[in-house]
């Protein structure tokens, strides 16, 4: 295989990896939102969840409200 062929093969492999990882991260984000909502339902707050994750309460609030923001975007588009 020549240099161009190897570079193309690497490009295609990297692209396939990116597509797979994008799908995986989407599922992980959904799981994180669902678990955080369950914890809130059990009486935990965003500050407690944030401490467990090592992030700010604003970050927790942000990922919890993600779906709400997406629905607003779709409705106004």
PDB file of N, CA and C in Angstrom:
ATOM      1  N   UNK A   1       0.855  -1.186   0.000  1.00  0.00           N
ATOM      2  CA  UNK A   1       0.000   0.000   0.000  1.00  0.00           C
ATOM      3  C   UNK A   1       0.893   1.238   0.000  1.00  0.00           C
ATOM      4  N   UNK A   2       0.579   2.186  -0.826  1.00  0.00           N
ATOM      5  CA  UNK A   2       1.381   3.402  -0.910  1.00  0.00           C
ATOM      6  C   UNK A   2       1.051   4.367   0.229  1.00  0.00           C
ATOM      7  N   UNK A   3       1.771   5.450   0.287  1.00  0.00           N
ATOM      8  CA  UNK A   3       1.607   6.432   1.364  1.00  0.00           C
ATOM      9  C   UNK A   3       0.188   6.994   1.367  1.00  0.00           C
ATOM     10  N   UNK A   4      -0.336   7.318   0.188  1.00  0.00           N
ATOM     11  CA  UNK A   4      -1.684   7.874   0.105  1.00  0.00           C
ATOM     12  C   UNK A   4      -2.723   6.852   0.556  1.00  0.00           C
ATOM     13  N   UNK A   5      -2.548   5.629   0.158  1.00  0.00           N
ATOM     14  CA  UNK A   5      -3.478   4.571   0.545  1.00  0.00           C
ATOM     15  C   UNK A   5      -3.492   4.359   2.049  1.00  0.00           C
ATOM     16  N   UNK A   6      -2.310   4.395   2.673  1.00  0.00           N
ATOM     17  CA  UNK A   6      -2.234   4.243   4.136  1.00  0.00           C
ATOM     18  C   UNK A   6      -2.901   5.420   4.835  1.00  0.00           C
ATOM     19  N   UNK A   7      -2.664   6.624   4.308  1.00  0.00           N
ATOM     20  CA  UNK A   7      -3.280   7.813   4.909  1.00  0.00           C
ATOM     21  C   UNK A   7      -4.802   7.747   4.780  1.00  0.00           C
ATOM     22  N   UNK A   8      -5.295   7.300   3.632  1.00  0.00           N
ATOM     23  CA  UNK A   8      -6.733   7.177   3.440  1.00  0.00           C
ATOM     24  C   UNK A   8      -7.318   6.123   4.380  1.00  0.00           C
ATOM     25  N   UNK A   9      -6.635   5.000   4.510  1.00  0.00           N
ATOM     26  CA  UNK A   9      -7.104   3.945   5.418  1.00  0.00           C
ATOM     27  C   UNK A   9      -7.175   4.468   6.848  1.00  0.00           C
ATOM     28  N   UNK A  10      -6.173   5.245   7.272  1.00  0.00           N
ATOM     29  CA  UNK A  10      -6.172   5.817   8.618  1.00  0.00           C
ATOM     30  C   UNK A  10      -7.302   6.824   8.780  1.00  0.00           C
ATOM     31  N   UNK A  11      -7.547   7.637   7.756  1.00  0.00           N
ATOM     32  CA  UNK A  11      -8.642   8.602   7.786  1.00  0.00           C
ATOM     33  C   UNK A  11      -9.982   7.890   7.956  1.00  0.00           C
ATOM     34  N   UNK A  12     -10.208   6.843   7.174  1.00  0.00           N
ATOM     35  CA  UNK A  12     -11.462   6.104   7.246  1.00  0.00           C
ATOM     36  C   UNK A  12     -11.627   5.413   8.599  1.00  0.00           C
ATOM     37  N   UNK A  13     -10.549   4.856   9.125  1.00  0.00           N
ATOM     38  CA  UNK A  13     -10.604   4.195  10.434  1.00  0.00           C
ATOM     39  C   UNK A  13     -10.907   5.210  11.535  1.00  0.00           C
ATOM     40  N   UNK A  14     -10.248   6.371  11.473  1.00  0.00           N
ATOM     41  CA  UNK A  14     -10.477   7.405  12.486  1.00  0.00           C
ATOM     42  C   UNK A  14     -11.917   7.917  12.403  1.00  0.00           C
ATOM     43  N   UNK A  15     -12.428   8.073  11.196  1.00  0.00           N
ATOM     44  CA  UNK A  15     -13.804   8.534  11.019  1.00  0.00           C
ATOM     45  C   UNK A  15     -14.789   7.520  11.607  1.00  0.00           C
ATOM     46  N   UNK A  16     -14.561   6.262  11.358  1.00  0.00           N
ATOM     47  CA  UNK A  16     -15.429   5.218  11.917  1.00  0.00           C
ATOM     48  C   UNK A  16     -15.372   5.235  13.443  1.00  0.00           C
ATOM     49  N   UNK A  17     -14.170   5.428  13.999  1.00  0.00           N
ATOM     50  CA  UNK A  17     -14.031   5.527  15.459  1.00  0.00           C
ATOM     51  C   UNK A  17     -14.821   6.713  15.997  1.00  0.00           C
ATOM     52  N   UNK A  18     -14.744   7.852  15.320  1.00  0.00           N
ATOM     53  CA  UNK A  18     -15.467   9.041  15.764  1.00  0.00           C
ATOM     54  C   UNK A  18     -16.976   8.796  15.755  1.00  0.00           C
ATOM     55  N   UNK A  19     -17.480   8.150  14.739  1.00  0.00           N
ATOM     56  CA  UNK A  19     -18.912   7.862  14.687  1.00  0.00           C
ATOM     57  C   UNK A  19     -19.324   6.935  15.826  1.00  0.00           C
ATOM     58  N   UNK A  20     -18.522   5.912  16.096  1.00  0.00           N
ATOM     59  CA  UNK A  20     -18.821   4.976  17.177  1.00  0.00           C
ATOM     60  C   UNK A  20     -18.775   5.675  18.530  1.00  0.00           C
ATOM     61  N   UNK A  21     -17.734   6.478  18.753  1.00  0.00           N
ATOM     62  CA  UNK A  21     -17.585   7.167  20.038  1.00  0.00           C
ATOM     63  C   UNK A  21     -18.680   8.213  20.250  1.00  0.00           C
ATOM     64  N   UNK A  22     -19.104   8.870  19.189  1.00  0.00           N
ATOM     65  CA  UNK A  22     -20.189   9.844  19.293  1.00  0.00           C
ATOM     66  C   UNK A  22     -21.466   9.158  19.764  1.00  0.00           C
ATOM     67  N   UNK A  23     -21.745   7.992  19.202  1.00  0.00           N
ATOM     68  CA  UNK A  23     -22.934   7.237  19.620  1.00  0.00           C
ATOM     69  C   UNK A  23     -22.806   6.799  21.074  1.00  0.00           C
ATOM     70  N   UNK A  24     -21.615   6.340  21.465  1.00  0.00           N
ATOM     71  CA  UNK A  24     -21.409   5.894  22.849  1.00  0.00           C
ATOM     72  C   UNK A  24     -21.564   7.036  23.836  1.00  0.00           C
ATOM     73  N   UNK A  25     -21.027   8.195  23.507  1.00  0.00           N
ATOM     74  CA  UNK A  25     -21.108   9.314  24.447  1.00  0.00           C
ATOM     75  C   UNK A  25     -22.547   9.807  24.571  1.00  0.00           C
ATOM     76  N   UNK A  26     -23.303   9.729  23.501  1.00  0.00           N
ATOM     77  CA  UNK A  26     -24.713  10.111  23.565  1.00  0.00           C
ATOM     78  C   UNK A  26     -25.466   9.226  24.546  1.00  0.00           C
ATOM     79  N   UNK A  27     -25.211   7.942  24.504  1.00  0.00           N
ATOM     80  CA  UNK A  27     -25.856   7.001  25.428  1.00  0.00           C
ATOM     81  C   UNK A  27     -25.403   7.270  26.860  1.00  0.00           C
ATOM     82  N   UNK A  28     -24.116   7.520  27.054  1.00  0.00           N
ATOM     83  CA  UNK A  28     -23.590   7.786  28.399  1.00  0.00           C
ATOM     84  C   UNK A  28     -24.189   9.068  28.972  1.00  0.00           C
ATOM     85  N   UNK A  29     -24.341  10.090  28.145  1.00  0.00           N
ATOM     86  CA  UNK A  29     -24.944  11.339  28.631  1.00  0.00           C
ATOM     87  C   UNK A  29     -26.380  11.126  29.057  1.00  0.00           C
ATOM     88  N   UNK A  30     -27.120  10.348  28.276  1.00  0.00           N
ATOM     89  CA  UNK A  30     -28.506  10.048  28.630  1.00  0.00           C
ATOM     90  C   UNK A  30     -28.566   9.288  29.950  1.00  0.00           C
ATOM     91  N   UNK A  31     -27.677   8.314  30.130  1.00  0.00           N
ATOM     92  CA  UNK A  31     -27.632   7.545  31.384  1.00  0.00           C
ATOM     93  C   UNK A  31     -27.314   8.455  32.564  1.00  0.00           C
ATOM     94  N   UNK A  32     -26.371   9.388  32.357  1.00  0.00           N
ATOM     95  CA  UNK A  32     -25.993  10.318  33.432  1.00  0.00           C
ATOM     96  C   UNK A  32     -27.176  11.196  33.810  1.00  0.00           C
ATOM     97  N   UNK A  33     -27.895  11.721  32.815  1.00  0.00           N
ATOM     98  CA  UNK A  33     -29.078  12.545  33.117  1.00  0.00           C
ATOM     99  C   UNK A  33     -30.127  11.742  33.868  1.00  0.00           C
ATOM    100  N   UNK A  34     -30.397  10.535  33.400  1.00  0.00           N
ATOM    101  CA  UNK A  34     -31.414   9.700  34.048  1.00  0.00           C
ATOM    102  C   UNK A  34     -31.035   9.377  35.488  1.00  0.00           C
ATOM    103  N   UNK A  35     -29.781   9.035  35.723  1.00  0.00           N
ATOM    104  CA  UNK A  35     -29.339   8.700  37.083  1.00  0.00           C
ATOM    105  C   UNK A  35     -29.408   9.931  37.985  1.00  0.00           C
ATOM    106  N   UNK A  36     -29.007  11.088  37.473  1.00  0.00           N
ATOM    107  CA  UNK A  36     -29.069  12.316  38.274  1.00  0.00           C
ATOM    108  C   UNK A  36     -30.518  12.650  38.620  1.00  0.00           C
ATOM    109  N   UNK A  37     -31.414  12.475  37.654  1.00  0.00           N
ATOM    110  CA  UNK A  37     -32.831  12.745  37.937  1.00  0.00           C
ATOM    111  C   UNK A  37     -33.373  11.793  39.003  1.00  0.00           C
ATOM    112  N   UNK A  38     -32.938  10.541  38.951  1.00  0.00           N
ATOM    113  CA  UNK A  38     -33.370   9.587  39.981  1.00  0.00           C
ATOM    114  C   UNK A  38     -32.863  10.023  41.353  1.00  0.00           C
ATOM    115  N   UNK A  39     -31.605  10.479  41.419  1.00  0.00           N
ATOM    116  CA  UNK A  39     -31.050  10.934  42.698  1.00  0.00           C
ATOM    117  C   UNK A  39     -31.802  12.166  43.213  1.00  0.00           C
ATOM    118  N   UNK A  40     -32.157  13.062  42.319  1.00  0.00           N
ATOM    119  CA  UNK A  40     -32.946  14.228  42.730  1.00  0.00           C
ATOM    120  C   UNK A  40     -34.303  13.777  43.256  1.00  0.00           C
ATOM    121  N   UNK A  41     -34.890  12.797  42.585  1.00  0.00           N
ATOM    122  CA  UNK A  41     -36.155  12.242  43.053  1.00  0.00           C
ATOM    123  C   UNK A  41     -36.047  11.594  44.422  1.00  0.00           C
ATOM    124  N   UNK A  42     -34.841  11.143  44.761  1.00  0.00           N
ATOM    125  CA  UNK A  42     -34.599  10.534  46.069  1.00  0.00           C
ATOM    126  C   UNK A  42     -34.203  11.567  47.126  1.00  0.00           C
ATOM    127  N   UNK A  43     -34.209  12.841  46.725  1.00  0.00           N
ATOM    128  CA  UNK A  43     -33.946  13.902  47.693  1.00  0.00           C
ATOM    129  C   UNK A  43     -32.574  14.539  47.630  1.00  0.00           C
ATOM    130  N   UNK A  44     -31.733  14.105  46.739  1.00  0.00           N
ATOM    131  CA  UNK A  44     -30.412  14.721  46.610  1.00  0.00           C
ATOM    132  C   UNK A  44     -30.511  15.964  45.731  1.00  0.00           C
ATOM    133  N   UNK A  45     -29.645  16.922  46.011  1.00  0.00           N
ATOM    134  CA  UNK A  45     -29.635  18.158  45.228  1.00  0.00           C
ATOM    135  C   UNK A  45     -28.504  18.189  44.220  1.00  0.00           C
ATOM    136  N   UNK A  46     -28.522  19.230  43.393  1.00  0.00           N
ATOM    137  CA  UNK A  46     -27.486  19.344  42.374  1.00  0.00           C
ATOM    138  C   UNK A  46     -26.100  19.548  42.991  1.00  0.00           C
ATOM    139  N   UNK A  47     -26.020  20.214  44.132  1.00  0.00           N
ATOM    140  CA  UNK A  47     -24.713  20.408  44.777  1.00  0.00           C
ATOM    141  C   UNK A  47     -24.131  19.074  45.231  1.00  0.00           C
ATOM    142  N   UNK A  48     -24.947  18.214  45.783  1.00  0.00           N
ATOM    143  CA  UNK A  48     -24.482  16.895  46.224  1.00  0.00           C
ATOM    144  C   UNK A  48     -24.026  16.066  45.014  1.00  0.00           C
ATOM    145  N   UNK A  49     -24.840  16.074  43.969  1.00  0.00           N
ATOM    146  CA  UNK A  49     -24.482  15.331  42.753  1.00  0.00           C
ATOM    147  C   UNK A  49     -23.180  15.879  42.180  1.00  0.00           C
ATOM    148  N   UNK A  50     -23.045  17.193  42.157  1.00  0.00           N
ATOM    149  CA  UNK A  50     -21.835  17.824  41.629  1.00  0.00           C
ATOM    150  C   UNK A  50     -20.600  17.377  42.404  1.00  0.00           C
ATOM    151  N   UNK A  51     -20.708  17.320  43.719  1.00  0.00           N
ATOM    152  CA  UNK A  51     -19.558  16.877  44.531  1.00  0.00           C
ATOM    153  C   UNK A  51     -19.177  15.438  44.198  1.00  0.00           C
ATOM    154  N   UNK A  52     -20.169  14.595  43.952  1.00  0.00           N
ATOM    155  CA  UNK A  52     -19.873  13.197  43.630  1.00  0.00           C
ATOM    156  C   UNK A  52     -19.135  13.081  42.288  1.00  0.00           C
ATOM    157  N   UNK A  53     -19.468  13.984  41.362  1.00  0.00           N
ATOM    158  CA  UNK A  53     -18.868  13.941  40.028  1.00  0.00           C
ATOM    159  C   UNK A  53     -17.599  14.784  39.901  1.00  0.00           C
ATOM    160  N   UNK A  54     -17.375  15.655  40.880  1.00  0.00           N
ATOM    161  CA  UNK A  54     -16.215  16.554  40.790  1.00  0.00           C
ATOM    162  C   UNK A  54     -16.428  17.674  39.786  1.00  0.00           C
ATOM    163  N   UNK A  55     -17.694  18.120  39.649  1.00  0.00           N
ATOM    164  CA  UNK A  55     -18.026  19.217  38.746  1.00  0.00           C
ATOM    165  C   UNK A  55     -18.791  20.274  39.539  1.00  0.00           C
ATOM    166  N   UNK A  56     -19.134  21.363  38.884  1.00  0.00           N
ATOM    167  CA  UNK A  56     -19.887  22.417  39.560  1.00  0.00           C
ATOM    168  C   UNK A  56     -21.389  22.097  39.537  1.00  0.00           C
ATOM    169  N   UNK A  57     -22.132  22.662  40.485  1.00  0.00           N
ATOM    170  CA  UNK A  57     -23.589  22.497  40.435  1.00  0.00           C
ATOM    171  C   UNK A  57     -24.181  23.043  39.127  1.00  0.00           C
ATOM    172  N   UNK A  58     -23.545  24.070  38.574  1.00  0.00           N
ATOM    173  CA  UNK A  58     -24.012  24.628  37.301  1.00  0.00           C
ATOM    174  C   UNK A  58     -23.874  23.603  36.178  1.00  0.00           C
ATOM    175  N   UNK A  59     -22.811  22.802  36.220  1.00  0.00           N
ATOM    176  CA  UNK A  59     -22.631  21.754  35.204  1.00  0.00           C
ATOM    177  C   UNK A  59     -23.740  20.719  35.316  1.00  0.00           C
ATOM    178  N   UNK A  60     -24.080  20.351  36.534  1.00  0.00           N
ATOM    179  CA  UNK A  60     -25.159  19.379  36.743  1.00  0.00           C
ATOM    180  C   UNK A  60     -26.474  19.969  36.241  1.00  0.00           C
ATOM    181  N   UNK A  61     -26.740  21.204  36.604  1.00  0.00           N
ATOM    182  CA  UNK A  61     -27.951  21.869  36.136  1.00  0.00           C
ATOM    183  C   UNK A  61     -27.972  21.907  34.613  1.00  0.00           C
ATOM    184  N   UNK A  62     -26.834  22.160  34.011  1.00  0.00           N
ATOM    185  CA  UNK A  62     -26.742  22.219  32.554  1.00  0.00           C
ATOM    186  C   UNK A  62     -27.069  20.903  31.891  1.00  0.00           C
ATOM    187  N   UNK A  63     -26.504  19.803  32.393  1.00  0.00           N
ATOM    188  CA  UNK A  63     -26.804  18.546  31.712  1.00  0.00           C
ATOM    189  C   UNK A  63     -28.194  18.030  32.040  1.00  0.00           C
ATOM    190  N   UNK A  64     -28.745  18.442  33.190  1.00  0.00           N
ATOM    191  CA  UNK A  64     -30.118  18.055  33.488  1.00  0.00           C
ATOM    192  C   UNK A  64     -31.109  18.787  32.587  1.00  0.00           C
ATOM    193  N   UNK A  65     -30.796  20.008  32.211  1.00  0.00           N
ATOM    194  CA  UNK A  65     -31.711  20.810  31.397  1.00  0.00           C
ATOM    195  C   UNK A  65     -31.441  20.675  29.900  1.00  0.00           C
ATOM    196  N   UNK A  66     -30.502  19.828  29.514  1.00  0.00           N
ATOM    197  CA  UNK A  66     -30.139  19.669  28.110  1.00  0.00           C
ATOM    198  C   UNK A  66     -31.353  19.325  27.248  1.00  0.00           C
ATOM    199  N   UNK A  67     -32.095  18.325  27.641  1.00  0.00           N
ATOM    200  CA  UNK A  67     -33.232  17.869  26.847  1.00  0.00           C
ATOM    201  C   UNK A  67     -34.268  18.982  26.696  1.00  0.00           C
ATOM    202  N   UNK A  68     -34.494  19.708  27.774  1.00  0.00           N
ATOM    203  CA  UNK A  68     -35.434  20.827  27.747  1.00  0.00           C
ATOM    204  C   UNK A  68     -34.999  21.878  26.723  1.00  0.00           C
ATOM    205  N   UNK A  69     -33.710  22.196  26.696  1.00  0.00           N
ATOM    206  CA  UNK A  69     -33.189  23.177  25.737  1.00  0.00           C
ATOM    207  C   UNK A  69     -33.335  22.671  24.308  1.00  0.00           C
ATOM    208  N   UNK A  70     -33.084  21.379  24.092  1.00  0.00           N
ATOM    209  CA  UNK A  70     -33.206  20.813  22.752  1.00  0.00           C
ATOM    210  C   UNK A  70     -34.647  20.880  22.256  1.00  0.00           C
ATOM    211  N   UNK A  71     -35.594  20.616  23.142  1.00  0.00           N
ATOM    212  CA  UNK A  71     -37.006  20.677  22.757  1.00  0.00           C
ATOM    213  C   UNK A  71     -37.408  22.096  22.398  1.00  0.00           C
ATOM    214  N   UNK A  72     -36.888  23.087  23.130  1.00  0.00           N
ATOM    215  CA  UNK A  72     -37.174  24.489  22.822  1.00  0.00           C
ATOM    216  C   UNK A  72     -36.599  24.861  21.464  1.00  0.00           C
ATOM    217  N   UNK A  73     -35.381  24.382  21.168  1.00  0.00           N
ATOM    218  CA  UNK A  73     -34.757  24.663  19.861  1.00  0.00           C
ATOM    219  C   UNK A  73     -35.613  24.092  18.734  1.00  0.00           C
ATOM    220  N   UNK A  74     -36.068  22.870  18.902  1.00  0.00           N
ATOM    221  CA  UNK A  74     -36.885  22.228  17.856  1.00  0.00           C
ATOM    222  C   UNK A  74     -38.200  22.964  17.666  1.00  0.00           C
ATOM    223  N   UNK A  75     -38.763  23.448  18.764  1.00  0.00           N
ATOM    224  CA  UNK A  75     -40.039  24.146  18.692  1.00  0.00           C
ATOM    225  C   UNK A  75     -39.939  25.507  18.035  1.00  0.00           C
ATOM    226  N   UNK A  76     -38.773  26.139  18.146  1.00  0.00           N
ATOM    227  CA  UNK A  76     -38.628  27.493  17.576  1.00  0.00           C
ATOM    228  C   UNK A  76     -37.993  27.467  16.189  1.00  0.00           C
ATOM    229  N   UNK A  77     -37.603  26.293  15.713  1.00  0.00           N
ATOM    230  CA  UNK A  77     -36.892  26.219  14.442  1.00  0.00           C
ATOM    231  C   UNK A  77     -37.685  26.016  13.261  1.00  0.00           C
TER     232      UNK A  77
END
